[in-house]
Amino acid sequence: MTNLQSEIDFLKEQNSKLVAEITELKREKAEFLAKITELKREKAEFLAKNAGSIKESVENAKLRDTELNKWNIK
């Protein structure tokens, strides 16, 4: 009976360690998800802030290509 009780105690201890580890992993996951959310927000802000510049650059490149094609310069 003592051997069985020792095994039960051991398994309870292992279970407690695993529960603690799972709790820590869930905390880390929550931190990573929060960081991902923050990075997505920063990306959206960056794109919104630079959308005009990107559009202007594309338009300038098209104008340049049109002028070069007009002169057959490549």
PDB file of N, CA and C in Angstrom:
ATOM      1  N   MET A   1       0.828  -1.194   0.000  1.00  0.00           N
ATOM      2  CA  MET A   1       0.000   0.000   0.000  1.00  0.00           C
ATOM      3  C   MET A   1       0.870   1.255   0.000  1.00  0.00           C
ATOM      4  N   THR A   2       1.969   1.228   0.719  1.00  0.00           N
ATOM      5  CA  THR A   2       2.857   2.377   0.788  1.00  0.00           C
ATOM      6  C   THR A   2       3.437   2.690  -0.584  1.00  0.00           C
ATOM      7  N   ASN A   3       3.754   1.635  -1.343  1.00  0.00           N
ATOM      8  CA  ASN A   3       4.303   1.818  -2.678  1.00  0.00           C
ATOM      9  C   ASN A   3       3.277   2.508  -3.580  1.00  0.00           C
ATOM     10  N   LEU A   4       2.026   2.104  -3.470  1.00  0.00           N
ATOM     11  CA  LEU A   4       0.965   2.711  -4.255  1.00  0.00           C
ATOM     12  C   LEU A   4       0.787   4.173  -3.856  1.00  0.00           C
ATOM     13  N   GLN A   5       0.826   4.454  -2.581  1.00  0.00           N
ATOM     14  CA  GLN A   5       0.686   5.835  -2.116  1.00  0.00           C
ATOM     15  C   GLN A   5       1.857   6.696  -2.592  1.00  0.00           C
ATOM     16  N   SER A   6       3.048   6.129  -2.595  1.00  0.00           N
ATOM     17  CA  SER A   6       4.221   6.856  -3.087  1.00  0.00           C
ATOM     18  C   SER A   6       4.067   7.202  -4.564  1.00  0.00           C
ATOM     19  N   GLU A   7       3.548   6.255  -5.317  1.00  0.00           N
ATOM     20  CA  GLU A   7       3.339   6.501  -6.737  1.00  0.00           C
ATOM     21  C   GLU A   7       2.271   7.580  -6.946  1.00  0.00           C
ATOM     22  N   ILE A   8       1.217   7.528  -6.171  1.00  0.00           N
ATOM     23  CA  ILE A   8       0.160   8.551  -6.259  1.00  0.00           C
ATOM     24  C   ILE A   8       0.731   9.922  -5.909  1.00  0.00           C
ATOM     25  N   ASP A   9       1.511   9.994  -4.857  1.00  0.00           N
ATOM     26  CA  ASP A   9       2.130  11.257  -4.457  1.00  0.00           C
ATOM     27  C   ASP A   9       3.052  11.792  -5.553  1.00  0.00           C
ATOM     28  N   PHE A  10       3.834  10.881  -6.131  1.00  0.00           N
ATOM     29  CA  PHE A  10       4.741  11.262  -7.216  1.00  0.00           C
ATOM     30  C   PHE A  10       3.957  11.819  -8.398  1.00  0.00           C
ATOM     31  N   LEU A  11       2.885  11.132  -8.779  1.00  0.00           N
ATOM     32  CA  LEU A  11       2.076  11.575  -9.915  1.00  0.00           C
ATOM     33  C   LEU A  11       1.395  12.911  -9.635  1.00  0.00           C
ATOM     34  N   LYS A  12       0.967  13.114  -8.401  1.00  0.00           N
ATOM     35  CA  LYS A  12       0.377  14.402  -8.036  1.00  0.00           C
ATOM     36  C   LYS A  12       1.409  15.522  -8.165  1.00  0.00           C
ATOM     37  N   GLU A  13       2.623  15.242  -7.742  1.00  0.00           N
ATOM     38  CA  GLU A  13       3.700  16.229  -7.839  1.00  0.00           C
ATOM     39  C   GLU A  13       4.010  16.541  -9.304  1.00  0.00           C
ATOM     40  N   GLN A  14       4.091  15.502 -10.126  1.00  0.00           N
ATOM     41  CA  GLN A  14       4.349  15.695 -11.549  1.00  0.00           C
ATOM     42  C   GLN A  14       3.215  16.504 -12.194  1.00  0.00           C
ATOM     43  N   ASN A  15       1.991  16.186 -11.809  1.00  0.00           N
ATOM     44  CA  ASN A  15       0.839  16.901 -12.336  1.00  0.00           C
ATOM     45  C   ASN A  15       0.908  18.384 -11.963  1.00  0.00           C
ATOM     46  N   SER A  16       1.265  18.669 -10.731  1.00  0.00           N
ATOM     47  CA  SER A  16       1.383  20.061 -10.288  1.00  0.00           C
ATOM     48  C   SER A  16       2.444  20.802 -11.092  1.00  0.00           C
ATOM     49  N   LYS A  17       3.567  20.137 -11.345  1.00  0.00           N
ATOM     50  CA  LYS A  17       4.630  20.757 -12.145  1.00  0.00           C
ATOM     51  C   LYS A  17       4.144  21.042 -13.561  1.00  0.00           C
ATOM     52  N   LEU A  18       3.413  20.084 -14.134  1.00  0.00           N
ATOM     53  CA  LEU A  18       2.909  20.272 -15.496  1.00  0.00           C
ATOM     54  C   LEU A  18       1.860  21.380 -15.556  1.00  0.00           C
ATOM     55  N   VAL A  19       1.012  21.465 -14.558  1.00  0.00           N
ATOM     56  CA  VAL A  19       0.014  22.536 -14.510  1.00  0.00           C
ATOM     57  C   VAL A  19       0.711  23.890 -14.425  1.00  0.00           C
ATOM     58  N   ALA A  20       1.757  23.980 -13.627  1.00  0.00           N
ATOM     59  CA  ALA A  20       2.512  25.233 -13.509  1.00  0.00           C
ATOM     60  C   ALA A  20       3.175  25.587 -14.842  1.00  0.00           C
ATOM     61  N   GLU A  21       3.717  24.587 -15.508  1.00  0.00           N
ATOM     62  CA  GLU A  21       4.364  24.826 -16.799  1.00  0.00           C
ATOM     63  C   GLU A  21       3.341  25.282 -17.844  1.00  0.00           C
ATOM     64  N   ILE A  22       2.183  24.659 -17.856  1.00  0.00           N
ATOM     65  CA  ILE A  22       1.123  25.051 -18.788  1.00  0.00           C
ATOM     66  C   ILE A  22       0.692  26.488 -18.517  1.00  0.00           C
ATOM     67  N   THR A  23       0.565  26.844 -17.258  1.00  0.00           N
ATOM     68  CA  THR A  23       0.186  28.205 -16.889  1.00  0.00           C
ATOM     69  C   THR A  23       1.214  29.203 -17.406  1.00  0.00           C
ATOM     70  N   GLU A  24       2.481  28.890 -17.258  1.00  0.00           N
ATOM     71  CA  GLU A  24       3.555  29.759 -17.739  1.00  0.00           C
ATOM     72  C   GLU A  24       3.522  29.873 -19.262  1.00  0.00           C
ATOM     73  N   LEU A  25       3.289  28.763 -19.940  1.00  0.00           N
ATOM     74  CA  LEU A  25       3.226  28.787 -21.402  1.00  0.00           C
ATOM     75  C   LEU A  25       2.031  29.617 -21.886  1.00  0.00           C
ATOM     76  N   LYS A  26       0.917  29.528 -21.190  1.00  0.00           N
ATOM     77  CA  LYS A  26      -0.253  30.344 -21.543  1.00  0.00           C
ATOM     78  C   LYS A  26       0.053  31.830 -21.350  1.00  0.00           C
ATOM     79  N   ARG A  27       0.780  32.164 -20.299  1.00  0.00           N
ATOM     80  CA  ARG A  27       1.161  33.555 -20.057  1.00  0.00           C
ATOM     81  C   ARG A  27       2.062  34.057 -21.182  1.00  0.00           C
ATOM     82  N   GLU A  28       3.052  33.239 -21.560  1.00  0.00           N
ATOM     83  CA  GLU A  28       3.956  33.614 -22.643  1.00  0.00           C
ATOM     84  C   GLU A  28       3.196  33.769 -23.965  1.00  0.00           C
ATOM     85  N   LYS A  29       2.254  32.861 -24.215  1.00  0.00           N
ATOM     86  CA  LYS A  29       1.443  32.947 -25.427  1.00  0.00           C
ATOM     87  C   LYS A  29       0.676  34.272 -25.456  1.00  0.00           C
ATOM     88  N   ALA A  30       0.087  34.637 -24.335  1.00  0.00           N
ATOM     89  CA  ALA A  30      -0.663  35.888 -24.255  1.00  0.00           C
ATOM     90  C   ALA A  30       0.253  37.081 -24.539  1.00  0.00           C
ATOM     91  N   GLU A  31       1.479  37.043 -24.024  1.00  0.00           N
ATOM     92  CA  GLU A  31       2.440  38.119 -24.287  1.00  0.00           C
ATOM     93  C   GLU A  31       2.782  38.195 -25.777  1.00  0.00           C
ATOM     94  N   PHE A  32       3.002  37.034 -26.405  1.00  0.00           N
ATOM     95  CA  PHE A  32       3.321  37.010 -27.837  1.00  0.00           C
ATOM     96  C   PHE A  32       2.148  37.535 -28.659  1.00  0.00           C
ATOM     97  N   LEU A  33       0.933  37.129 -28.306  1.00  0.00           N
ATOM     98  CA  LEU A  33      -0.238  37.604 -29.042  1.00  0.00           C
ATOM     99  C   LEU A  33      -0.408  39.109 -28.892  1.00  0.00           C
ATOM    100  N   ALA A  34      -0.134  39.616 -27.699  1.00  0.00           N
ATOM    101  CA  ALA A  34      -0.212  41.066 -27.488  1.00  0.00           C
ATOM    102  C   ALA A  34       0.842  41.778 -28.331  1.00  0.00           C
ATOM    103  N   LYS A  35       2.034  41.219 -28.413  1.00  0.00           N
ATOM    104  CA  LYS A  35       3.104  41.814 -29.217  1.00  0.00           C
ATOM    105  C   LYS A  35       2.741  41.791 -30.701  1.00  0.00           C
ATOM    106  N   ILE A  36       2.164  40.691 -31.156  1.00  0.00           N
ATOM    107  CA  ILE A  36       1.741  40.589 -32.557  1.00  0.00           C
ATOM    108  C   ILE A  36       0.684  41.642 -32.858  1.00  0.00           C
ATOM    109  N   THR A  37      -0.260  41.808 -31.954  1.00  0.00           N
ATOM    110  CA  THR A  37      -1.302  42.821 -32.126  1.00  0.00           C
ATOM    111  C   THR A  37      -0.688  44.209 -32.214  1.00  0.00           C
ATOM    112  N   GLU A  38       0.267  44.491 -31.344  1.00  0.00           N
ATOM    113  CA  GLU A  38       0.949  45.785 -31.347  1.00  0.00           C
ATOM    114  C   GLU A  38       1.700  46.005 -32.663  1.00  0.00           C
ATOM    115  N   LEU A  39       2.386  44.975 -33.151  1.00  0.00           N
ATOM    116  CA  LEU A  39       3.123  45.100 -34.406  1.00  0.00           C
ATOM    117  C   LEU A  39       2.181  45.312 -35.585  1.00  0.00           C
ATOM    118  N   LYS A  40       1.031  44.636 -35.574  1.00  0.00           N
ATOM    119  CA  LYS A  40       0.051  44.846 -36.639  1.00  0.00           C
ATOM    120  C   LYS A  40      -0.475  46.272 -36.610  1.00  0.00           C
ATOM    121  N   ARG A  41      -0.703  46.811 -35.415  1.00  0.00           N
ATOM    122  CA  ARG A  41      -1.172  48.185 -35.284  1.00  0.00           C
ATOM    123  C   ARG A  41      -0.118  49.153 -35.819  1.00  0.00           C
ATOM    124  N   GLU A  42       1.144  48.918 -35.447  1.00  0.00           N
ATOM    125  CA  GLU A  42       2.234  49.771 -35.926  1.00  0.00           C
ATOM    126  C   GLU A  42       2.366  49.687 -37.447  1.00  0.00           C
ATOM    127  N   LYS A  43       2.201  48.492 -37.996  1.00  0.00           N
ATOM    128  CA  LYS A  43       2.276  48.316 -39.450  1.00  0.00           C
ATOM    129  C   LYS A  43       1.163  49.113 -40.132  1.00  0.00           C
ATOM    130  N   ALA A  44      -0.049  49.020 -39.597  1.00  0.00           N
ATOM    131  CA  ALA A  44      -1.180  49.750 -40.174  1.00  0.00           C
ATOM    132  C   ALA A  44      -0.934  51.258 -40.119  1.00  0.00           C
ATOM    133  N   GLU A  45      -0.410  51.737 -38.997  1.00  0.00           N
ATOM    134  CA  GLU A  45      -0.087  53.163 -38.873  1.00  0.00           C
ATOM    135  C   GLU A  45       0.974  53.574 -39.886  1.00  0.00           C
ATOM    136  N   PHE A  46       1.996  52.758 -40.023  1.00  0.00           N
ATOM    137  CA  PHE A  46       3.075  53.043 -40.972  1.00  0.00           C
ATOM    138  C   PHE A  46       2.545  53.105 -42.397  1.00  0.00           C
ATOM    139  N   LEU A  47       1.729  52.102 -42.764  1.00  0.00           N
ATOM    140  CA  LEU A  47       1.189  52.077 -44.119  1.00  0.00           C
ATOM    141  C   LEU A  47       0.270  53.266 -44.372  1.00  0.00           C
ATOM    142  N   ALA A  48      -0.548  53.604 -43.386  1.00  0.00           N
ATOM    143  CA  ALA A  48      -1.444  54.753 -43.542  1.00  0.00           C
ATOM    144  C   ALA A  48      -0.639  56.044 -43.681  1.00  0.00           C
ATOM    145  N   LYS A  49       0.403  56.159 -42.879  1.00  0.00           N
ATOM    146  CA  LYS A  49       1.240  57.357 -42.898  1.00  0.00           C
ATOM    147  C   LYS A  49       1.989  57.496 -44.220  1.00  0.00           C
ATOM    148  N   ASN A  50       2.403  56.361 -44.784  1.00  0.00           N
ATOM    149  CA  ASN A  50       3.237  56.392 -45.981  1.00  0.00           C
ATOM    150  C   ASN A  50       2.480  56.081 -47.264  1.00  0.00           C
ATOM    151  N   ALA A  51       1.174  55.901 -47.182  1.00  0.00           N
ATOM    152  CA  ALA A  51       0.387  55.562 -48.369  1.00  0.00           C
ATOM    153  C   ALA A  51       0.539  56.634 -49.440  1.00  0.00           C
ATOM    154  N   GLY A  52       0.489  57.894 -49.052  1.00  0.00           N
ATOM    155  CA  GLY A  52       0.644  58.985 -50.019  1.00  0.00           C
ATOM    156  C   GLY A  52       1.997  58.962 -50.689  1.00  0.00           C
ATOM    157  N   SER A  53       3.032  58.722 -49.914  1.00  0.00           N
ATOM    158  CA  SER A  53       4.389  58.679 -50.469  1.00  0.00           C
ATOM    159  C   SER A  53       4.548  57.523 -51.435  1.00  0.00           C
ATOM    160  N   ILE A  54       3.981  56.387 -51.082  1.00  0.00           N
ATOM    161  CA  ILE A  54       4.086  55.216 -51.954  1.00  0.00           C
ATOM    162  C   ILE A  54       3.340  55.472 -53.256  1.00  0.00           C
ATOM    163  N   LYS A  55       2.124  56.037 -53.155  1.00  0.00           N
ATOM    164  CA  LYS A  55       1.336  56.339 -54.352  1.00  0.00           C
ATOM    165  C   LYS A  55       2.073  57.347 -55.234  1.00  0.00           C
ATOM    166  N   GLU A  56       2.653  58.367 -54.607  1.00  0.00           N
ATOM    167  CA  GLU A  56       3.400  59.377 -55.350  1.00  0.00           C
ATOM    168  C   GLU A  56       4.608  58.766 -56.049  1.00  0.00           C
ATOM    169  N   SER A  57       5.303  57.873 -55.377  1.00  0.00           N
ATOM    170  CA  SER A  57       6.466  57.218 -55.986  1.00  0.00           C
ATOM    171  C   SER A  57       6.059  56.385 -57.195  1.00  0.00           C
ATOM    172  N   VAL A  58       4.949  55.675 -57.081  1.00  0.00           N
ATOM    173  CA  VAL A  58       4.464  54.866 -58.205  1.00  0.00           C
ATOM    174  C   VAL A  58       4.092  55.768 -59.374  1.00  0.00           C
ATOM    175  N   GLU A  59       3.396  56.859 -59.083  1.00  0.00           N
ATOM    176  CA  GLU A  59       3.013  57.795 -60.140  1.00  0.00           C
ATOM    177  C   GLU A  59       4.240  58.408 -60.813  1.00  0.00           C
ATOM    178  N   ASN A  60       5.239  58.766 -60.015  1.00  0.00           N
ATOM    179  CA  ASN A  60       6.477  59.324 -60.578  1.00  0.00           C
ATOM    180  C   ASN A  60       7.194  58.310 -61.458  1.00  0.00           C
ATOM    181  N   ALA A  61       7.195  57.059 -61.038  1.00  0.00           N
ATOM    182  CA  ALA A  61       7.836  56.016 -61.840  1.00  0.00           C
ATOM    183  C   ALA A  61       7.102  55.832 -63.160  1.00  0.00           C
ATOM    184  N   LYS A  62       5.773  55.902 -63.124  1.00  0.00           N
ATOM    185  CA  LYS A  62       4.998  55.773 -64.362  1.00  0.00           C
ATOM    186  C   LYS A  62       5.281  56.949 -65.301  1.00  0.00           C
ATOM    187  N   LEU A  63       5.343  58.156 -64.746  1.00  0.00           N
ATOM    188  CA  LEU A  63       5.654  59.331 -65.571  1.00  0.00           C
ATOM    189  C   LEU A  63       7.045  59.221 -66.185  1.00  0.00           C
ATOM    190  N   ARG A  64       8.001  58.770 -65.376  1.00  0.00           N
ATOM    191  CA  ARG A  64       9.365  58.597 -65.866  1.00  0.00           C
ATOM    192  C   ARG A  64       9.390  57.575 -66.997  1.00  0.00           C
ATOM    193  N   ASP A  65       8.694  56.461 -66.819  1.00  0.00           N
ATOM    194  CA  ASP A  65       8.665  55.419 -67.846  1.00  0.00           C
ATOM    195  C   ASP A  65       8.003  55.929 -69.122  1.00  0.00           C
ATOM    196  N   THR A  66       6.951  56.719 -68.950  1.00  0.00           N
ATOM    197  CA  THR A  66       6.268  57.302 -70.114  1.00  0.00           C
ATOM    198  C   THR A  66       7.212  58.213 -70.884  1.00  0.00           C
ATOM    199  N   GLU A  67       7.934  59.057 -70.169  1.00  0.00           N
ATOM    200  CA  GLU A  67       8.894  59.966 -70.816  1.00  0.00           C
ATOM    201  C   GLU A  67      10.017  59.197 -71.497  1.00  0.00           C
ATOM    202  N   LEU A  68      10.515  58.173 -70.830  1.00  0.00           N
ATOM    203  CA  LEU A  68      11.597  57.378 -71.427  1.00  0.00           C
ATOM    204  C   LEU A  68      11.109  56.644 -72.667  1.00  0.00           C
ATOM    205  N   ASN A  69       9.881  56.130 -72.605  1.00  0.00           N
ATOM    206  CA  ASN A  69       9.329  55.437 -73.776  1.00  0.00           C
ATOM    207  C   ASN A  69       9.099  56.396 -74.927  1.00  0.00           C
ATOM    208  N   LYS A  70       8.734  57.631 -74.584  1.00  0.00           N
ATOM    209  CA  LYS A  70       8.514  58.647 -75.605  1.00  0.00           C
ATOM    210  C   LYS A  70       9.801  58.862 -76.405  1.00  0.00           C
ATOM    211  N   TRP A  71      10.926  58.788 -75.756  1.00  0.00           N
ATOM    212  CA  TRP A  71      12.221  59.014 -76.382  1.00  0.00           C
ATOM    213  C   TRP A  71      12.927  57.708 -76.744  1.00  0.00           C
ATOM    214  N   ASN A  72      12.225  56.614 -76.557  1.00  0.00           N
ATOM    215  CA  ASN A  72      12.789  55.282 -76.796  1.00  0.00           C
ATOM    216  C   ASN A  72      14.062  55.063 -76.014  1.00  0.00           C
ATOM    217  N   ILE A  73      14.087  55.540 -74.816  1.00  0.00           N
ATOM    218  CA  ILE A  73      15.253  55.367 -73.942  1.00  0.00           C
ATOM    219  C   ILE A  73      14.900  54.307 -72.916  1.00  0.00           C
ATOM    220  N   LYS A  74      15.788  53.345 -72.807  1.00  0.00           N
ATOM    221  CA  LYS A  74      15.523  52.279 -71.826  1.00  0.00           C
ATOM    222  C   LYS A  74      16.737  52.033 -70.976  1.00  0.00           C
TER     223      LYS A  74
END
